[in-house]
Amino acid sequence: MHSECGLGATYLGGGLCGFLVWAPLINRVEVHILSPEERIVPLEKVSRGYHYGVLQGVKPGSRYFYRLDGNTERPDPASKFQPEGVHGPSQVSDPHFVWEELHWSGIPFSHYVVYELHVGTFTAPGTFDAIVPHLDELKDLGITAIMIMPVAQFPGDRNWGYDGVYPFAVQNSYGGPEGSKG
């Protein structure tokens, strides 16, 4: 298939973004770009029920819906970010992360002391950023690894992660994909 793109919106750099959605029962899929400039662009129906296209002028931060057969609009089922929740538009995100600890090689598995952390209940704000000031406290307790509970986008602001709606999107109220990079 289209090796440069996985499912959903894939930012390719240089203002190009690939869109790939599986909709085998839909005849026509269009991308309704809401920002930075509103427009509707058809995707090409390719093999096995997939619809695909590369759009110019779409960068991280651009919001969009898929328009199905010319009328029904839905968020991207493989969305990476739902800034307005499960019913709002999807947002293109850039997965690039600059790793700053170039010489860190990890610790032996036998030294792991794992702490299962729920982002939404660990601190009052319930965000990734609010966890950071507490990392030294966890280290002082002897914790050597943190397992973050499921953060897939769900309805509402707090949840135990059992009814995620967008498995590829990081929960907006926790800080979204950018917050998870911190």
N, C-alpha and C. Protein backbone atom coordinates (compact mmCIF):
# COMPACT_ATOMS: atom_id res chain seq x y z
N MET A 1 0.85 -1.17 0.00
CA MET A 1 0.00 0.00 0.00
C MET A 1 0.90 1.23 0.00
N HIS A 2 0.52 2.24 0.66
CA HIS A 2 1.25 3.51 0.65
C HIS A 2 2.19 3.55 1.84
N SER A 3 3.44 3.16 1.60
CA SER A 3 4.40 2.91 2.67
C SER A 3 4.72 4.14 3.50
N GLU A 4 4.54 5.34 2.93
CA GLU A 4 4.87 6.53 3.70
C GLU A 4 3.78 6.88 4.72
N CYS A 5 2.62 6.22 4.63
CA CYS A 5 1.50 6.56 5.50
C CYS A 5 0.94 5.33 6.20
N GLY A 6 0.74 5.48 7.49
CA GLY A 6 -0.04 4.50 8.22
C GLY A 6 -1.48 4.98 8.24
N LEU A 7 -2.32 4.27 8.95
CA LEU A 7 -3.70 4.71 9.07
C LEU A 7 -3.78 6.09 9.71
N GLY A 8 -4.77 6.85 9.32
CA GLY A 8 -4.97 8.19 9.88
C GLY A 8 -4.22 9.23 9.10
N ALA A 9 -3.91 10.33 9.78
CA ALA A 9 -3.16 11.42 9.18
C ALA A 9 -1.69 11.26 9.55
N THR A 10 -0.83 11.28 8.55
CA THR A 10 0.61 11.15 8.78
C THR A 10 1.30 12.39 8.23
N TYR A 11 1.86 13.19 9.13
CA TYR A 11 2.58 14.37 8.67
C TYR A 11 3.88 13.93 8.02
N LEU A 12 4.08 14.34 6.77
CA LEU A 12 5.23 13.90 5.98
C LEU A 12 6.33 14.95 5.92
N GLY A 13 6.07 16.13 6.49
CA GLY A 13 7.04 17.22 6.45
C GLY A 13 6.79 18.13 5.26
N GLY A 14 7.32 19.33 5.34
CA GLY A 14 7.20 20.27 4.23
C GLY A 14 5.77 20.67 3.90
N GLY A 15 4.88 20.63 4.87
CA GLY A 15 3.49 21.00 4.63
C GLY A 15 2.67 19.94 3.92
N LEU A 16 3.21 18.71 3.85
CA LEU A 16 2.47 17.61 3.23
C LEU A 16 1.96 16.66 4.31
N CYS A 17 0.74 16.18 4.13
CA CYS A 17 0.17 15.23 5.07
C CYS A 17 -0.57 14.15 4.29
N GLY A 18 -0.27 12.90 4.62
CA GLY A 18 -0.96 11.77 4.00
C GLY A 18 -2.15 11.36 4.85
N PHE A 19 -3.22 10.99 4.21
CA PHE A 19 -4.42 10.51 4.89
C PHE A 19 -4.78 9.13 4.35
N LEU A 20 -5.00 8.19 5.25
CA LEU A 20 -5.38 6.84 4.87
C LEU A 20 -6.47 6.36 5.83
N VAL A 21 -7.60 5.99 5.26
CA VAL A 21 -8.72 5.51 6.09
C VAL A 21 -9.32 4.28 5.43
N TRP A 22 -9.71 3.34 6.26
CA TRP A 22 -10.37 2.13 5.78
C TRP A 22 -11.87 2.33 5.93
N ALA A 23 -12.55 2.39 4.81
CA ALA A 23 -14.01 2.58 4.79
C ALA A 23 -14.56 1.77 3.62
N PRO A 24 -14.60 0.44 3.74
CA PRO A 24 -14.95 -0.42 2.60
C PRO A 24 -16.38 -0.27 2.10
N LEU A 25 -17.29 0.21 2.93
CA LEU A 25 -18.69 0.35 2.51
C LEU A 25 -19.03 1.76 2.06
N ILE A 26 -18.05 2.63 2.03
CA ILE A 26 -18.25 4.03 1.64
C ILE A 26 -17.70 4.22 0.23
N ASN A 27 -18.50 4.85 -0.63
CA ASN A 27 -18.07 5.08 -2.01
C ASN A 27 -17.10 6.24 -2.15
N ARG A 28 -17.34 7.32 -1.38
CA ARG A 28 -16.52 8.53 -1.53
C ARG A 28 -16.14 9.06 -0.15
N VAL A 29 -14.84 9.23 0.07
CA VAL A 29 -14.34 9.83 1.31
C VAL A 29 -13.59 11.10 0.94
N GLU A 30 -13.92 12.17 1.64
CA GLU A 30 -13.22 13.44 1.47
C GLU A 30 -12.66 13.86 2.82
N VAL A 31 -11.60 14.63 2.78
CA VAL A 31 -11.06 15.23 4.00
C VAL A 31 -11.57 16.65 4.05
N HIS A 32 -12.29 16.98 5.13
CA HIS A 32 -12.75 18.34 5.34
C HIS A 32 -11.76 19.01 6.28
N ILE A 33 -10.85 19.78 5.70
CA ILE A 33 -9.85 20.51 6.48
C ILE A 33 -10.55 21.74 7.05
N LEU A 34 -10.49 21.89 8.36
CA LEU A 34 -11.13 23.03 9.03
C LEU A 34 -10.15 24.17 9.28
N SER A 35 -8.88 23.82 9.49
CA SER A 35 -7.88 24.84 9.75
C SER A 35 -6.53 24.36 9.21
N PRO A 36 -5.65 25.21 8.80
CA PRO A 36 -5.71 26.65 8.94
C PRO A 36 -6.64 27.32 7.93
N GLU A 37 -6.91 26.67 6.81
CA GLU A 37 -7.82 27.22 5.79
C GLU A 37 -8.82 26.14 5.42
N GLU A 38 -10.10 26.44 5.50
CA GLU A 38 -11.12 25.42 5.26
C GLU A 38 -11.17 25.03 3.78
N ARG A 39 -11.25 23.72 3.58
CA ARG A 39 -11.40 23.17 2.22
C ARG A 39 -11.79 21.71 2.33
N ILE A 40 -12.32 21.17 1.25
CA ILE A 40 -12.72 19.77 1.19
C ILE A 40 -11.99 19.13 0.02
N VAL A 41 -11.26 18.03 0.30
CA VAL A 41 -10.43 17.39 -0.71
C VAL A 41 -10.79 15.90 -0.78
N PRO A 42 -11.12 15.40 -1.99
CA PRO A 42 -11.44 13.97 -2.11
C PRO A 42 -10.20 13.09 -1.95
N LEU A 43 -10.41 11.91 -1.38
CA LEU A 43 -9.37 10.90 -1.33
C LEU A 43 -9.60 9.90 -2.45
N GLU A 44 -8.55 9.26 -2.88
CA GLU A 44 -8.65 8.25 -3.93
C GLU A 44 -9.04 6.91 -3.30
N LYS A 45 -10.03 6.25 -3.89
CA LYS A 45 -10.39 4.91 -3.42
C LYS A 45 -9.38 3.94 -4.00
N VAL A 46 -8.65 3.29 -3.10
CA VAL A 46 -7.61 2.35 -3.52
C VAL A 46 -8.05 0.95 -3.14
N SER A 47 -7.15 0.01 -3.12
CA SER A 47 -7.52 -1.40 -2.92
C SER A 47 -8.05 -1.70 -1.52
N ARG A 48 -8.86 -2.75 -1.46
CA ARG A 48 -9.34 -3.35 -0.21
C ARG A 48 -10.10 -2.41 0.71
N GLY A 49 -10.77 -1.43 0.14
CA GLY A 49 -11.61 -0.55 0.94
C GLY A 49 -10.92 0.66 1.53
N TYR A 50 -9.67 0.87 1.17
CA TYR A 50 -8.93 2.03 1.69
C TYR A 50 -9.14 3.24 0.79
N HIS A 51 -9.07 4.41 1.40
CA HIS A 51 -9.13 5.69 0.69
C HIS A 51 -7.87 6.45 1.10
N TYR A 52 -7.20 7.08 0.12
CA TYR A 52 -5.88 7.63 0.36
C TYR A 52 -5.67 8.93 -0.39
N GLY A 53 -4.86 9.80 0.19
CA GLY A 53 -4.45 11.01 -0.49
C GLY A 53 -3.38 11.74 0.29
N VAL A 54 -2.59 12.54 -0.44
CA VAL A 54 -1.59 13.41 0.18
C VAL A 54 -2.01 14.84 -0.13
N LEU A 55 -2.13 15.63 0.94
CA LEU A 55 -2.60 17.00 0.79
C LEU A 55 -1.47 17.98 1.11
N GLN A 56 -1.42 19.05 0.33
CA GLN A 56 -0.46 20.12 0.58
C GLN A 56 -1.09 21.15 1.52
N GLY A 57 -0.25 21.84 2.26
CA GLY A 57 -0.72 22.90 3.14
C GLY A 57 -1.38 22.40 4.41
N VAL A 58 -1.09 21.15 4.78
CA VAL A 58 -1.65 20.57 6.01
C VAL A 58 -0.47 20.24 6.92
N LYS A 59 -0.42 20.91 8.07
CA LYS A 59 0.69 20.76 9.00
C LYS A 59 0.16 20.33 10.37
N PRO A 60 1.06 19.96 11.28
CA PRO A 60 0.61 19.67 12.64
C PRO A 60 -0.20 20.86 13.19
N GLY A 61 -1.29 20.53 13.81
CA GLY A 61 -2.21 21.56 14.30
C GLY A 61 -3.44 21.71 13.42
N SER A 62 -3.35 21.26 12.17
CA SER A 62 -4.52 21.33 11.28
C SER A 62 -5.60 20.39 11.80
N ARG A 63 -6.84 20.87 11.77
CA ARG A 63 -7.96 20.05 12.23
C ARG A 63 -8.80 19.63 11.03
N TYR A 64 -9.41 18.43 11.15
CA TYR A 64 -10.12 17.86 10.02
C TYR A 64 -11.17 16.85 10.47
N PHE A 65 -12.12 16.60 9.58
CA PHE A 65 -13.07 15.50 9.66
C PHE A 65 -12.96 14.73 8.36
N TYR A 66 -13.43 13.49 8.35
CA TYR A 66 -13.68 12.78 7.10
C TYR A 66 -15.14 12.98 6.75
N ARG A 67 -15.39 13.30 5.48
CA ARG A 67 -16.76 13.43 4.98
C ARG A 67 -17.05 12.17 4.17
N LEU A 68 -18.11 11.48 4.56
CA LEU A 68 -18.45 10.19 3.96
C LEU A 68 -19.63 10.33 3.01
N ASP A 69 -19.42 9.91 1.77
CA ASP A 69 -20.44 9.97 0.72
C ASP A 69 -21.12 11.33 0.62
N GLY A 70 -20.34 12.38 0.83
CA GLY A 70 -20.81 13.73 0.58
C GLY A 70 -21.64 14.38 1.67
N ASN A 71 -21.91 13.69 2.78
CA ASN A 71 -22.75 14.36 3.77
C ASN A 71 -22.35 14.13 5.23
N THR A 72 -22.13 12.92 5.66
CA THR A 72 -21.85 12.63 7.06
C THR A 72 -20.39 12.90 7.37
N GLU A 73 -20.12 13.70 8.41
CA GLU A 73 -18.74 13.98 8.81
C GLU A 73 -18.45 13.29 10.13
N ARG A 74 -17.28 12.67 10.19
CA ARG A 74 -16.85 11.94 11.39
C ARG A 74 -15.38 12.22 11.65
N PRO A 75 -14.96 12.15 12.93
CA PRO A 75 -13.53 12.21 13.23
C PRO A 75 -12.83 11.00 12.63
N ASP A 76 -11.54 11.11 12.51
CA ASP A 76 -10.70 10.04 11.98
C ASP A 76 -10.68 8.88 12.98
N PRO A 77 -11.09 7.66 12.58
CA PRO A 77 -11.06 6.54 13.52
C PRO A 77 -9.65 6.15 13.95
N ALA A 78 -8.63 6.59 13.20
CA ALA A 78 -7.23 6.35 13.58
C ALA A 78 -6.56 7.66 13.98
N SER A 79 -7.34 8.57 14.53
CA SER A 79 -6.84 9.88 14.95
C SER A 79 -5.71 9.74 15.95
N LYS A 80 -4.74 10.65 15.87
CA LYS A 80 -3.66 10.70 16.85
C LYS A 80 -3.95 11.73 17.95
N PHE A 81 -4.95 12.63 17.69
CA PHE A 81 -5.28 13.65 18.68
C PHE A 81 -6.69 14.16 18.43
N GLN A 82 -7.47 14.19 19.50
CA GLN A 82 -8.84 14.70 19.50
C GLN A 82 -8.93 15.85 20.50
N PRO A 83 -8.46 17.05 20.14
CA PRO A 83 -8.36 18.14 21.11
C PRO A 83 -9.69 18.59 21.69
N GLU A 84 -10.79 18.33 20.98
CA GLU A 84 -12.11 18.74 21.48
C GLU A 84 -12.93 17.53 21.92
N GLY A 85 -12.28 16.41 22.18
CA GLY A 85 -12.98 15.22 22.63
C GLY A 85 -13.37 14.30 21.50
N VAL A 86 -14.13 13.26 21.84
CA VAL A 86 -14.39 12.17 20.90
C VAL A 86 -15.28 12.56 19.72
N HIS A 87 -16.07 13.62 19.86
CA HIS A 87 -16.97 14.01 18.77
C HIS A 87 -16.44 15.19 17.95
N GLY A 88 -15.38 15.81 18.41
CA GLY A 88 -14.81 16.96 17.72
C GLY A 88 -13.91 16.56 16.57
N PRO A 89 -13.35 17.56 15.90
CA PRO A 89 -12.46 17.26 14.78
C PRO A 89 -11.16 16.62 15.25
N SER A 90 -10.57 15.84 14.38
CA SER A 90 -9.25 15.27 14.62
C SER A 90 -8.21 16.34 14.32
N GLN A 91 -7.01 16.15 14.87
CA GLN A 91 -5.94 17.11 14.63
C GLN A 91 -4.68 16.39 14.20
N VAL A 92 -4.04 16.91 13.16
CA VAL A 92 -2.76 16.37 12.69
C VAL A 92 -1.71 16.66 13.76
N SER A 93 -0.93 15.64 14.10
CA SER A 93 0.15 15.85 15.07
C SER A 93 1.46 15.35 14.48
N ASP A 94 2.54 15.85 15.02
CA ASP A 94 3.87 15.45 14.58
C ASP A 94 4.44 14.50 15.62
N PRO A 95 4.68 13.24 15.28
CA PRO A 95 5.18 12.29 16.27
C PRO A 95 6.66 12.46 16.60
N HIS A 96 7.35 13.34 15.90
CA HIS A 96 8.79 13.51 16.11
C HIS A 96 9.09 13.91 17.56
N PHE A 97 10.09 13.28 18.13
CA PHE A 97 10.50 13.56 19.50
C PHE A 97 12.03 13.62 19.55
N VAL A 98 12.54 14.69 20.11
CA VAL A 98 13.99 14.84 20.24
C VAL A 98 14.40 14.23 21.58
N TRP A 99 15.09 13.11 21.53
CA TRP A 99 15.56 12.43 22.73
C TRP A 99 16.80 13.16 23.23
N GLU A 100 16.75 13.66 24.47
CA GLU A 100 17.85 14.47 25.00
C GLU A 100 18.89 13.67 25.77
N GLU A 101 18.56 12.49 26.23
CA GLU A 101 19.49 11.66 27.00
C GLU A 101 20.19 10.69 26.05
N LEU A 102 21.18 11.18 25.34
CA LEU A 102 21.83 10.41 24.29
C LEU A 102 22.58 9.19 24.80
N HIS A 103 23.04 9.20 26.06
CA HIS A 103 23.87 8.11 26.56
C HIS A 103 23.13 7.20 27.52
N TRP A 104 21.84 7.41 27.72
CA TRP A 104 21.08 6.56 28.63
C TRP A 104 20.83 5.22 27.97
N SER A 105 21.14 4.15 28.68
CA SER A 105 20.98 2.82 28.09
C SER A 105 19.99 1.96 28.85
N GLY A 106 19.29 2.54 29.81
CA GLY A 106 18.30 1.77 30.55
C GLY A 106 18.92 1.04 31.73
N ILE A 107 18.13 0.23 32.38
CA ILE A 107 18.60 -0.57 33.51
C ILE A 107 18.23 -2.02 33.25
N PRO A 108 18.92 -2.95 33.90
CA PRO A 108 18.57 -4.36 33.70
C PRO A 108 17.13 -4.63 34.17
N PHE A 109 16.45 -5.47 33.46
CA PHE A 109 15.06 -5.79 33.78
C PHE A 109 14.91 -6.28 35.23
N SER A 110 15.90 -6.97 35.74
CA SER A 110 15.83 -7.49 37.10
C SER A 110 15.83 -6.39 38.16
N HIS A 111 16.17 -5.16 37.77
CA HIS A 111 16.17 -4.03 38.70
C HIS A 111 14.90 -3.18 38.61
N TYR A 112 13.98 -3.58 37.78
CA TYR A 112 12.75 -2.80 37.63
C TYR A 112 11.89 -2.92 38.89
N VAL A 113 11.45 -1.77 39.36
CA VAL A 113 10.39 -1.69 40.36
C VAL A 113 9.34 -0.79 39.70
N VAL A 114 8.24 -1.41 39.27
CA VAL A 114 7.26 -0.74 38.42
C VAL A 114 6.15 -0.11 39.25
N TYR A 115 5.83 1.12 38.92
CA TYR A 115 4.71 1.83 39.53
C TYR A 115 3.68 2.07 38.44
N GLU A 116 2.49 1.52 38.62
CA GLU A 116 1.42 1.76 37.66
C GLU A 116 0.78 3.11 37.98
N LEU A 117 0.86 4.03 37.04
CA LEU A 117 0.44 5.40 37.28
C LEU A 117 -0.77 5.74 36.42
N HIS A 118 -1.80 6.26 37.06
CA HIS A 118 -2.99 6.73 36.36
C HIS A 118 -2.88 8.25 36.24
N VAL A 119 -2.71 8.73 35.03
CA VAL A 119 -2.48 10.16 34.80
C VAL A 119 -3.61 11.01 35.37
N GLY A 120 -4.84 10.58 35.19
CA GLY A 120 -5.98 11.39 35.61
C GLY A 120 -6.20 11.49 37.11
N THR A 121 -5.63 10.56 37.88
CA THR A 121 -5.86 10.60 39.33
C THR A 121 -4.59 10.78 40.15
N PHE A 122 -3.43 10.74 39.54
CA PHE A 122 -2.17 10.85 40.28
C PHE A 122 -2.00 12.24 40.90
N THR A 123 -2.47 13.27 40.20
CA THR A 123 -2.40 14.65 40.70
C THR A 123 -3.77 15.30 40.52
N ALA A 124 -3.99 16.39 41.22
CA ALA A 124 -5.27 17.11 41.09
C ALA A 124 -5.52 17.59 39.65
N PRO A 125 -4.52 18.18 38.96
CA PRO A 125 -4.78 18.60 37.58
C PRO A 125 -5.00 17.42 36.63
N GLY A 126 -4.41 16.25 36.94
CA GLY A 126 -4.60 15.07 36.10
C GLY A 126 -3.99 15.17 34.73
N THR A 127 -2.77 15.72 34.64
CA THR A 127 -2.11 15.88 33.34
C THR A 127 -0.70 15.28 33.39
N PHE A 128 -0.13 15.07 32.21
CA PHE A 128 1.26 14.62 32.14
C PHE A 128 2.19 15.62 32.80
N ASP A 129 1.99 16.90 32.51
CA ASP A 129 2.86 17.94 33.06
C ASP A 129 2.82 17.96 34.59
N ALA A 130 1.67 17.67 35.18
CA ALA A 130 1.54 17.69 36.63
C ALA A 130 2.27 16.52 37.30
N ILE A 131 2.59 15.49 36.54
CA ILE A 131 3.32 14.33 37.08
C ILE A 131 4.79 14.66 37.29
N VAL A 132 5.37 15.45 36.39
CA VAL A 132 6.81 15.69 36.37
C VAL A 132 7.38 16.12 37.72
N PRO A 133 6.78 17.06 38.45
CA PRO A 133 7.36 17.46 39.74
C PRO A 133 7.39 16.34 40.78
N HIS A 134 6.67 15.25 40.55
CA HIS A 134 6.60 14.15 41.51
C HIS A 134 7.54 12.98 41.17
N LEU A 135 8.26 13.08 40.07
CA LEU A 135 9.11 11.97 39.65
C LEU A 135 10.23 11.69 40.65
N ASP A 136 10.80 12.73 41.23
CA ASP A 136 11.85 12.51 42.23
C ASP A 136 11.31 11.78 43.46
N GLU A 137 10.07 12.09 43.86
CA GLU A 137 9.45 11.40 45.00
C GLU A 137 9.30 9.90 44.69
N LEU A 138 8.89 9.58 43.47
CA LEU A 138 8.76 8.17 43.09
C LEU A 138 10.13 7.49 43.09
N LYS A 139 11.12 8.20 42.60
CA LYS A 139 12.48 7.66 42.59
C LYS A 139 12.95 7.40 44.03
N ASP A 140 12.66 8.33 44.93
CA ASP A 140 13.05 8.17 46.34
C ASP A 140 12.36 6.98 46.99
N LEU A 141 11.19 6.62 46.49
CA LEU A 141 10.48 5.44 46.99
C LEU A 141 11.12 4.14 46.49
N GLY A 142 11.99 4.25 45.51
CA GLY A 142 12.62 3.07 44.93
C GLY A 142 12.03 2.66 43.60
N ILE A 143 11.12 3.47 43.07
CA ILE A 143 10.51 3.18 41.77
C ILE A 143 11.54 3.41 40.68
N THR A 144 11.69 2.44 39.78
CA THR A 144 12.64 2.58 38.68
C THR A 144 11.97 2.63 37.31
N ALA A 145 10.68 2.34 37.27
CA ALA A 145 9.95 2.37 36.00
C ALA A 145 8.49 2.75 36.27
N ILE A 146 7.93 3.49 35.36
CA ILE A 146 6.52 3.88 35.46
C ILE A 146 5.76 3.25 34.30
N MET A 147 4.67 2.59 34.63
CA MET A 147 3.77 2.07 33.61
C MET A 147 2.55 2.98 33.62
N ILE A 148 2.40 3.75 32.58
CA ILE A 148 1.27 4.67 32.50
C ILE A 148 0.06 3.88 32.03
N MET A 149 -1.02 4.02 32.79
CA MET A 149 -2.25 3.31 32.44
C MET A 149 -2.74 3.78 31.08
N PRO A 150 -3.65 3.05 30.46
CA PRO A 150 -4.11 3.41 29.11
C PRO A 150 -4.50 4.88 29.01
N VAL A 151 -4.02 5.49 27.95
CA VAL A 151 -4.30 6.91 27.74
C VAL A 151 -5.04 7.16 26.42
N ALA A 152 -5.62 6.11 25.83
CA ALA A 152 -6.37 6.29 24.59
C ALA A 152 -7.55 7.23 24.84
N GLN A 153 -7.83 8.08 23.86
CA GLN A 153 -8.89 9.08 23.98
C GLN A 153 -10.21 8.43 24.36
N PHE A 154 -10.87 8.99 25.35
CA PHE A 154 -12.15 8.49 25.85
C PHE A 154 -13.11 9.66 26.03
N PRO A 155 -14.39 9.39 26.23
CA PRO A 155 -15.34 10.48 26.48
C PRO A 155 -15.08 11.09 27.86
N GLY A 156 -15.17 12.40 27.98
CA GLY A 156 -15.01 13.08 29.26
C GLY A 156 -13.56 13.36 29.58
N ASP A 157 -13.32 13.80 30.85
CA ASP A 157 -11.98 14.20 31.27
C ASP A 157 -11.25 13.18 32.12
N ARG A 158 -11.98 12.28 32.81
CA ARG A 158 -11.36 11.29 33.68
C ARG A 158 -11.95 9.93 33.38
N ASN A 159 -11.10 8.89 33.45
CA ASN A 159 -11.55 7.58 33.06
C ASN A 159 -10.49 6.58 33.48
N TRP A 160 -10.86 5.34 33.68
CA TRP A 160 -9.87 4.31 34.03
C TRP A 160 -9.28 3.64 32.80
N GLY A 161 -9.69 4.03 31.62
CA GLY A 161 -9.06 3.52 30.41
C GLY A 161 -9.71 2.30 29.81
N TYR A 162 -10.87 1.90 30.32
CA TYR A 162 -11.50 0.68 29.82
C TYR A 162 -12.40 0.91 28.62
N ASP A 163 -12.73 2.13 28.32
CA ASP A 163 -13.60 2.38 27.18
C ASP A 163 -13.02 3.44 26.25
N GLY A 164 -11.74 3.25 25.91
CA GLY A 164 -11.10 4.15 24.96
C GLY A 164 -11.82 4.10 23.62
N VAL A 165 -11.93 5.26 22.99
CA VAL A 165 -12.65 5.36 21.72
C VAL A 165 -11.67 5.45 20.55
N TYR A 166 -10.59 6.17 20.74
CA TYR A 166 -9.59 6.34 19.69
C TYR A 166 -8.28 5.74 20.19
N PRO A 167 -7.99 4.49 19.82
CA PRO A 167 -6.83 3.80 20.41
C PRO A 167 -5.48 4.41 20.05
N PHE A 168 -5.40 5.23 19.00
CA PHE A 168 -4.13 5.83 18.60
C PHE A 168 -3.95 7.25 19.13
N ALA A 169 -5.01 7.82 19.72
CA ALA A 169 -4.97 9.21 20.19
C ALA A 169 -4.70 9.25 21.69
N VAL A 170 -3.84 10.18 22.11
CA VAL A 170 -3.56 10.38 23.52
C VAL A 170 -4.61 11.34 24.08
N GLN A 171 -5.20 10.98 25.22
CA GLN A 171 -6.29 11.73 25.83
C GLN A 171 -6.02 13.24 25.87
N ASN A 172 -6.96 14.02 25.36
CA ASN A 172 -6.78 15.47 25.29
C ASN A 172 -6.68 16.11 26.67
N SER A 173 -7.47 15.67 27.65
CA SER A 173 -7.43 16.31 28.97
C SER A 173 -6.15 15.99 29.74
N TYR A 174 -5.41 15.00 29.31
CA TYR A 174 -4.12 14.68 29.95
C TYR A 174 -2.98 15.51 29.38
N GLY A 175 -3.20 16.11 28.22
CA GLY A 175 -2.16 16.91 27.57
C GLY A 175 -1.90 16.51 26.14
N GLY A 176 -2.63 15.49 25.66
CA GLY A 176 -2.49 15.07 24.27
C GLY A 176 -1.10 14.54 23.95
N PRO A 177 -0.81 14.37 22.66
CA PRO A 177 0.48 13.80 22.26
C PRO A 177 1.67 14.66 22.68
N GLU A 178 1.53 15.98 22.65
CA GLU A 178 2.65 16.84 23.04
C GLU A 178 2.91 16.71 24.53
N GLY A 179 1.87 16.62 25.35
CA GLY A 179 2.06 16.45 26.78
C GLY A 179 2.73 15.13 27.12
N SER A 180 2.45 14.11 26.33
CA SER A 180 3.05 12.80 26.61
C SER A 180 4.54 12.76 26.28
N LYS A 181 5.01 13.72 25.49
CA LYS A 181 6.43 13.78 25.14
C LYS A 181 7.28 14.39 26.26
N GLY A 182 6.63 15.12 27.19
CA GLY A 182 7.36 15.83 28.25
C GLY A 182 8.02 14.91 29.17
